[in-house]
């Protein structure tokens, strides 16, 4: 699952791949926003990303799509 996170007052976004489902990511975002807590996600390499809930600008959650290489038929 591909997740892009926009942080307030920061020009670059945080992009990560995670094995968590979209539902699990949405629950983590809701918890961070409602409690004023911390958004805590683990990427596919086992690294943990922590973002304060009050600093979240936006979050985009979507399936990672493998790019196609070569010539194919439509």
PDB file of N, CA and C in Angstrom:
ATOM      1  N   UNK A   1       0.837  -1.154   0.000  1.00  0.00           N
ATOM      2  CA  UNK A   1       0.000   0.000   0.000  1.00  0.00           C
ATOM      3  C   UNK A   1       0.893   1.232   0.000  1.00  0.00           C
ATOM      4  N   UNK A   2       0.625   2.148  -0.897  1.00  0.00           N
ATOM      5  CA  UNK A   2       1.389   3.391  -0.980  1.00  0.00           C
ATOM      6  C   UNK A   2       0.692   4.465  -0.154  1.00  0.00           C
ATOM      7  N   UNK A   3       1.454   5.156   0.681  1.00  0.00           N
ATOM      8  CA  UNK A   3       0.918   6.220   1.526  1.00  0.00           C
ATOM      9  C   UNK A   3       1.788   7.456   1.339  1.00  0.00           C
ATOM     10  N   UNK A   4       1.151   8.593   1.035  1.00  0.00           N
ATOM     11  CA  UNK A   4       1.833   9.884   0.929  1.00  0.00           C
ATOM     12  C   UNK A   4       1.265  10.784   2.005  1.00  0.00           C
ATOM     13  N   UNK A   5       2.154  11.440   2.759  1.00  0.00           N
ATOM     14  CA  UNK A   5       1.746  12.272   3.884  1.00  0.00           C
ATOM     15  C   UNK A   5       2.281  13.683   3.684  1.00  0.00           C
ATOM     16  N   UNK A   6       1.378  14.653   3.749  1.00  0.00           N
ATOM     17  CA  UNK A   6       1.766  16.058   3.714  1.00  0.00           C
ATOM     18  C   UNK A   6       1.819  16.597   5.127  1.00  0.00           C
ATOM     19  N   UNK A   7       2.917  17.234   5.479  1.00  0.00           N
ATOM     20  CA  UNK A   7       3.096  17.796   6.813  1.00  0.00           C
ATOM     21  C   UNK A   7       3.015  19.314   6.707  1.00  0.00           C
ATOM     22  N   UNK A   8       2.292  19.932   7.628  1.00  0.00           N
ATOM     23  CA  UNK A   8       2.129  21.387   7.616  1.00  0.00           C
ATOM     24  C   UNK A   8       3.480  22.083   7.697  1.00  0.00           C
ATOM     25  N   UNK A   9       3.628  23.142   6.912  1.00  0.00           N
ATOM     26  CA  UNK A   9       4.823  23.993   6.892  1.00  0.00           C
ATOM     27  C   UNK A   9       6.085  23.260   6.447  1.00  0.00           C
ATOM     28  N   UNK A  10       5.917  22.152   5.710  1.00  0.00           N
ATOM     29  CA  UNK A  10       7.052  21.410   5.154  1.00  0.00           C
ATOM     30  C   UNK A  10       6.790  21.232   3.663  1.00  0.00           C
ATOM     31  N   UNK A  11       7.761  21.585   2.827  1.00  0.00           N
ATOM     32  CA  UNK A  11       7.561  21.554   1.385  1.00  0.00           C
ATOM     33  C   UNK A  11       7.512  20.139   0.806  1.00  0.00           C
ATOM     34  N   UNK A  12       8.256  19.211   1.383  1.00  0.00           N
ATOM     35  CA  UNK A  12       8.311  17.848   0.846  1.00  0.00           C
ATOM     36  C   UNK A  12       7.308  16.949   1.546  1.00  0.00           C
ATOM     37  N   UNK A  13       6.764  16.021   0.783  1.00  0.00           N
ATOM     38  CA  UNK A  13       5.853  15.052   1.372  1.00  0.00           C
ATOM     39  C   UNK A  13       6.621  13.804   1.786  1.00  0.00           C
ATOM     40  N   UNK A  14       6.028  13.028   2.660  1.00  0.00           N
ATOM     41  CA  UNK A  14       6.595  11.748   3.078  1.00  0.00           C
ATOM     42  C   UNK A  14       5.900  10.665   2.270  1.00  0.00           C
ATOM     43  N   UNK A  15       6.666   9.855   1.556  1.00  0.00           N
ATOM     44  CA  UNK A  15       6.109   8.768   0.756  1.00  0.00           C
ATOM     45  C   UNK A  15       6.664   7.449   1.282  1.00  0.00           C
ATOM     46  N   UNK A  16       5.762   6.475   1.487  1.00  0.00           N
ATOM     47  CA  UNK A  16       6.215   5.178   1.973  1.00  0.00           C
ATOM     48  C   UNK A  16       5.317   4.074   1.438  1.00  0.00           C
ATOM     49  N   UNK A  17       5.869   2.880   1.417  1.00  0.00           N
ATOM     50  CA  UNK A  17       5.146   1.653   1.084  1.00  0.00           C
ATOM     51  C   UNK A  17       4.977   0.876   2.377  1.00  0.00           C
ATOM     52  N   UNK A  18       3.761   0.416   2.645  1.00  0.00           N
ATOM     53  CA  UNK A  18       3.505  -0.344   3.852  1.00  0.00           C
ATOM     54  C   UNK A  18       2.712  -1.604   3.525  1.00  0.00           C
ATOM     55  N   UNK A  19       2.860  -2.606   4.371  1.00  0.00           N
ATOM     56  CA  UNK A  19       2.113  -3.851   4.203  1.00  0.00           C
ATOM     57  C   UNK A  19       0.741  -3.778   4.867  1.00  0.00           C
ATOM     58  N   UNK A  20       0.465  -2.696   5.594  1.00  0.00           N
ATOM     59  CA  UNK A  20      -0.821  -2.527   6.272  1.00  0.00           C
ATOM     60  C   UNK A  20      -1.925  -2.288   5.241  1.00  0.00           C
ATOM     61  N   UNK A  21      -3.138  -2.670   5.597  1.00  0.00           N
ATOM     62  CA  UNK A  21      -4.280  -2.462   4.705  1.00  0.00           C
ATOM     63  C   UNK A  21      -4.715  -0.998   4.762  1.00  0.00           C
ATOM     64  N   UNK A  22      -5.518  -0.585   3.790  1.00  0.00           N
ATOM     65  CA  UNK A  22      -6.027   0.786   3.765  1.00  0.00           C
ATOM     66  C   UNK A  22      -6.866   1.060   5.009  1.00  0.00           C
ATOM     67  N   UNK A  23      -7.590   0.071   5.476  1.00  0.00           N
ATOM     68  CA  UNK A  23      -8.419   0.222   6.675  1.00  0.00           C
ATOM     69  C   UNK A  23      -7.556   0.457   7.918  1.00  0.00           C
ATOM     70  N   UNK A  24      -6.451  -0.285   8.026  1.00  0.00           N
ATOM     71  CA  UNK A  24      -5.545  -0.104   9.171  1.00  0.00           C
ATOM     72  C   UNK A  24      -4.899   1.281   9.157  1.00  0.00           C
ATOM     73  N   UNK A  25      -4.512   1.742   7.967  1.00  0.00           N
ATOM     74  CA  UNK A  25      -3.908   3.073   7.844  1.00  0.00           C
ATOM     75  C   UNK A  25      -4.934   4.145   8.216  1.00  0.00           C
ATOM     76  N   UNK A  26      -6.170   3.982   7.744  1.00  0.00           N
ATOM     77  CA  UNK A  26      -7.223   4.949   8.055  1.00  0.00           C
ATOM     78  C   UNK A  26      -7.492   4.998   9.563  1.00  0.00           C
ATOM     79  N   UNK A  27      -7.485   3.847  10.227  1.00  0.00           N
ATOM     80  CA  UNK A  27      -7.688   3.815  11.679  1.00  0.00           C
ATOM     81  C   UNK A  27      -6.555   4.531  12.410  1.00  0.00           C
ATOM     82  N   UNK A  28      -5.325   4.344  11.947  1.00  0.00           N
ATOM     83  CA  UNK A  28      -4.175   5.014  12.561  1.00  0.00           C
ATOM     84  C   UNK A  28      -4.271   6.529  12.381  1.00  0.00           C
ATOM     85  N   UNK A  29      -4.727   6.974  11.210  1.00  0.00           N
ATOM     86  CA  UNK A  29      -4.877   8.402  10.948  1.00  0.00           C
ATOM     87  C   UNK A  29      -5.969   8.976  11.844  1.00  0.00           C
ATOM     88  N   UNK A  30      -7.119   8.287  11.916  1.00  0.00           N
ATOM     89  CA  UNK A  30      -8.225   8.750  12.764  1.00  0.00           C
ATOM     90  C   UNK A  30      -7.798   8.870  14.222  1.00  0.00           C
ATOM     91  N   UNK A  31      -7.059   7.887  14.708  1.00  0.00           N
ATOM     92  CA  UNK A  31      -6.606   7.911  16.098  1.00  0.00           C
ATOM     93  C   UNK A  31      -5.659   9.079  16.341  1.00  0.00           C
ATOM     94  N   UNK A  32      -4.758   9.336  15.402  1.00  0.00           N
ATOM     95  CA  UNK A  32      -3.800  10.434  15.564  1.00  0.00           C
ATOM     96  C   UNK A  32      -4.507  11.784  15.557  1.00  0.00           C
ATOM     97  N   UNK A  33      -5.528  11.917  14.736  1.00  0.00           N
ATOM     98  CA  UNK A  33      -6.239  13.190  14.650  1.00  0.00           C
ATOM     99  C   UNK A  33      -7.188  13.414  15.824  1.00  0.00           C
ATOM    100  N   UNK A  34      -7.868  12.365  16.261  1.00  0.00           N
ATOM    101  CA  UNK A  34      -8.867  12.544  17.313  1.00  0.00           C
ATOM    102  C   UNK A  34      -8.227  12.743  18.689  1.00  0.00           C
ATOM    103  N   UNK A  35      -7.149  12.078  18.959  1.00  0.00           N
ATOM    104  CA  UNK A  35      -6.513  12.156  20.269  1.00  0.00           C
ATOM    105  C   UNK A  35      -5.415  13.217  20.340  1.00  0.00           C
ATOM    106  N   UNK A  36      -5.094  13.827  19.202  1.00  0.00           N
ATOM    107  CA  UNK A  36      -3.955  14.738  19.179  1.00  0.00           C
ATOM    108  C   UNK A  36      -2.659  13.979  19.376  1.00  0.00           C
ATOM    109  N   UNK A  37      -2.692  12.705  19.005  1.00  0.00           N
ATOM    110  CA  UNK A  37      -1.554  11.820  19.214  1.00  0.00           C
ATOM    111  C   UNK A  37      -0.569  11.847  18.067  1.00  0.00           C
ATOM    112  N   UNK A  38      -0.005  10.695  17.801  1.00  0.00           N
ATOM    113  CA  UNK A  38       1.039  10.554  16.797  1.00  0.00           C
ATOM    114  C   UNK A  38       0.608   9.503  15.778  1.00  0.00           C
ATOM    115  N   UNK A  39       0.754   9.829  14.487  1.00  0.00           N
ATOM    116  CA  UNK A  39       0.528   8.848  13.424  1.00  0.00           C
ATOM    117  C   UNK A  39       1.772   7.976  13.354  1.00  0.00           C
ATOM    118  N   UNK A  40       1.597   6.683  13.555  1.00  0.00           N
ATOM    119  CA  UNK A  40       2.714   5.743  13.602  1.00  0.00           C
ATOM    120  C   UNK A  40       2.475   4.672  12.542  1.00  0.00           C
ATOM    121  N   UNK A  41       3.320   4.665  11.500  1.00  0.00           N
ATOM    122  CA  UNK A  41       3.222   3.669  10.431  1.00  0.00           C
ATOM    123  C   UNK A  41       4.571   2.982  10.258  1.00  0.00           C
ATOM    124  N   UNK A  42       4.544   1.721   9.864  1.00  0.00           N
ATOM    125  CA  UNK A  42       5.764   0.959   9.602  1.00  0.00           C
ATOM    126  C   UNK A  42       5.813   0.643   8.114  1.00  0.00           C
ATOM    127  N   UNK A  43       6.951   0.950   7.466  1.00  0.00           N
ATOM    128  CA  UNK A  43       7.074   0.683   6.037  1.00  0.00           C
ATOM    129  C   UNK A  43       7.479  -0.770   5.789  1.00  0.00           C
ATOM    130  N   UNK A  44       7.593  -1.137   4.521  1.00  0.00           N
ATOM    131  CA  UNK A  44       7.883  -2.530   4.144  1.00  0.00           C
ATOM    132  C   UNK A  44       9.273  -2.980   4.563  1.00  0.00           C
ATOM    133  N   UNK A  45      10.165  -2.036   4.859  1.00  0.00           N
ATOM    134  CA  UNK A  45      11.522  -2.384   5.292  1.00  0.00           C
ATOM    135  C   UNK A  45      11.644  -2.427   6.808  1.00  0.00           C
ATOM    136  N   UNK A  46      10.520  -2.221   7.513  1.00  0.00           N
ATOM    137  CA  UNK A  46      10.530  -2.278   8.967  1.00  0.00           C
ATOM    138  C   UNK A  46      10.845  -0.969   9.659  1.00  0.00           C
ATOM    139  N   UNK A  47      11.011   0.104   8.906  1.00  0.00           N
ATOM    140  CA  UNK A  47      11.278   1.413   9.509  1.00  0.00           C
ATOM    141  C   UNK A  47       9.965   2.021   9.983  1.00  0.00           C
ATOM    142  N   UNK A  48      10.008   2.702  11.117  1.00  0.00           N
ATOM    143  CA  UNK A  48       8.804   3.306  11.679  1.00  0.00           C
ATOM    144  C   UNK A  48       8.792   4.802  11.395  1.00  0.00           C
ATOM    145  N   UNK A  49       7.654   5.289  10.901  1.00  0.00           N
ATOM    146  CA  UNK A  49       7.479   6.703  10.599  1.00  0.00           C
ATOM    147  C   UNK A  49       6.514   7.269  11.621  1.00  0.00           C
ATOM    148  N   UNK A  50       6.906   8.353  12.285  1.00  0.00           N
ATOM    149  CA  UNK A  50       6.089   8.997  13.305  1.00  0.00           C
ATOM    150  C   UNK A  50       5.836  10.442  12.893  1.00  0.00           C
ATOM    151  N   UNK A  51       4.559  10.842  12.866  1.00  0.00           N
ATOM    152  CA  UNK A  51       4.191  12.215  12.536  1.00  0.00           C
ATOM    153  C   UNK A  51       3.177  12.683  13.573  1.00  0.00           C
ATOM    154  N   UNK A  52       3.423  13.821  14.222  1.00  0.00           N
ATOM    155  CA  UNK A  52       2.439  14.329  15.186  1.00  0.00           C
ATOM    156  C   UNK A  52       1.097  14.594  14.496  1.00  0.00           C
ATOM    157  N   UNK A  53       0.013  14.182  15.119  1.00  0.00           N
ATOM    158  CA  UNK A  53      -1.316  14.358  14.532  1.00  0.00           C
ATOM    159  C   UNK A  53      -1.641  15.809  14.244  1.00  0.00           C
ATOM    160  N   UNK A  54      -1.203  16.729  15.093  1.00  0.00           N
ATOM    161  CA  UNK A  54      -1.500  18.153  14.899  1.00  0.00           C
ATOM    162  C   UNK A  54      -0.735  18.754  13.718  1.00  0.00           C
ATOM    163  N   UNK A  55       0.301  18.050  13.221  1.00  0.00           N
ATOM    164  CA  UNK A  55       1.104  18.555  12.107  1.00  0.00           C
ATOM    165  C   UNK A  55       0.662  17.991  10.758  1.00  0.00           C
ATOM    166  N   UNK A  56      -0.292  17.044  10.759  1.00  0.00           N
ATOM    167  CA  UNK A  56      -0.740  16.449   9.497  1.00  0.00           C
ATOM    168  C   UNK A  56      -1.467  17.491   8.649  1.00  0.00           C
ATOM    169  N   UNK A  57      -1.067  17.581   7.382  1.00  0.00           N
ATOM    170  CA  UNK A  57      -1.755  18.453   6.433  1.00  0.00           C
ATOM    171  C   UNK A  57      -2.742  17.655   5.612  1.00  0.00           C
ATOM    172  N   UNK A  58      -2.293  16.532   5.063  1.00  0.00           N
ATOM    173  CA  UNK A  58      -3.127  15.641   4.269  1.00  0.00           C
ATOM    174  C   UNK A  58      -2.469  14.275   4.200  1.00  0.00           C
ATOM    175  N   UNK A  59      -3.267  13.256   3.873  1.00  0.00           N
ATOM    176  CA  UNK A  59      -2.758  11.898   3.708  1.00  0.00           C
ATOM    177  C   UNK A  59      -3.451  11.279   2.501  1.00  0.00           C
ATOM    178  N   UNK A  60      -2.663  10.708   1.604  1.00  0.00           N
ATOM    179  CA  UNK A  60      -3.192  10.026   0.431  1.00  0.00           C
ATOM    180  C   UNK A  60      -2.859   8.547   0.563  1.00  0.00           C
ATOM    181  N   UNK A  61      -3.892   7.714   0.539  1.00  0.00           N
ATOM    182  CA  UNK A  61      -3.720   6.273   0.684  1.00  0.00           C
ATOM    183  C   UNK A  61      -4.202   5.625  -0.605  1.00  0.00           C
ATOM    184  N   UNK A  62      -3.357   4.783  -1.214  1.00  0.00           N
ATOM    185  CA  UNK A  62      -3.750   4.113  -2.445  1.00  0.00           C
ATOM    186  C   UNK A  62      -2.910   2.897  -2.710  1.00  0.00           C
ATOM    187  N   UNK A  63      -3.425   2.044  -3.557  1.00  0.00           N
ATOM    188  CA  UNK A  63      -2.700   0.845  -3.946  1.00  0.00           C
ATOM    189  C   UNK A  63      -1.468   1.235  -4.745  1.00  0.00           C
ATOM    190  N   UNK A  64      -0.379   0.522  -4.502  1.00  0.00           N
ATOM    191  CA  UNK A  64       0.808   0.741  -5.324  1.00  0.00           C
ATOM    192  C   UNK A  64       0.586   0.021  -6.638  1.00  0.00           C
ATOM    193  N   UNK A  65       0.935   0.680  -7.710  1.00  0.00           N
ATOM    194  CA  UNK A  65       0.709   0.130  -9.036  1.00  0.00           C
ATOM    195  C   UNK A  65       2.044  -0.146  -9.693  1.00  0.00           C
ATOM    196  N   UNK A  66       2.242  -1.352 -10.130  1.00  0.00           N
ATOM    197  CA  UNK A  66       3.482  -1.714 -10.808  1.00  0.00           C
ATOM    198  C   UNK A  66       3.480  -1.100 -12.204  1.00  0.00           C
ATOM    199  N   UNK A  67       4.586  -0.453 -12.557  1.00  0.00           N
ATOM    200  CA  UNK A  67       4.664   0.138 -13.882  1.00  0.00           C
ATOM    201  C   UNK A  67       4.936  -0.952 -14.914  1.00  0.00           C
ATOM    202  N   UNK A  68       4.322  -0.779 -16.068  1.00  0.00           N
ATOM    203  CA  UNK A  68       4.477  -1.747 -17.139  1.00  0.00           C
ATOM    204  C   UNK A  68       5.664  -1.371 -18.008  1.00  0.00           C
ATOM    205  N   UNK A  69       6.417  -2.361 -18.401  1.00  0.00           N
ATOM    206  CA  UNK A  69       7.592  -2.127 -19.199  1.00  0.00           C
ATOM    207  C   UNK A  69       7.457  -2.930 -20.499  1.00  0.00           C
ATOM    208  N   UNK A  70       7.846  -2.301 -21.597  1.00  0.00           N
ATOM    209  CA  UNK A  70       7.811  -3.014 -22.871  1.00  0.00           C
ATOM    210  C   UNK A  70       6.548  -2.732 -23.650  1.00  0.00           C
ATOM    211  N   UNK A  71       6.381  -3.502 -24.700  1.00  0.00           N
ATOM    212  CA  UNK A  71       5.230  -3.334 -25.563  1.00  0.00           C
ATOM    213  C   UNK A  71       4.169  -4.351 -25.190  1.00  0.00           C
ATOM    214  N   UNK A  72       2.985  -3.907 -25.028  1.00  0.00           N
ATOM    215  CA  UNK A  72       1.896  -4.797 -24.666  1.00  0.00           C
ATOM    216  C   UNK A  72       0.652  -4.464 -25.440  1.00  0.00           C
ATOM    217  N   UNK A  73      -0.296  -5.348 -25.382  1.00  0.00           N
ATOM    218  CA  UNK A  73      -1.562  -5.102 -26.055  1.00  0.00           C
ATOM    219  C   UNK A  73      -2.548  -4.551 -25.051  1.00  0.00           C
ATOM    220  N   UNK A  74      -3.395  -3.655 -25.508  1.00  0.00           N
ATOM    221  CA  UNK A  74      -4.399  -3.074 -24.640  1.00  0.00           C
ATOM    222  C   UNK A  74      -5.634  -3.894 -24.596  1.00  0.00           C
TER     223      UNK A  74
END
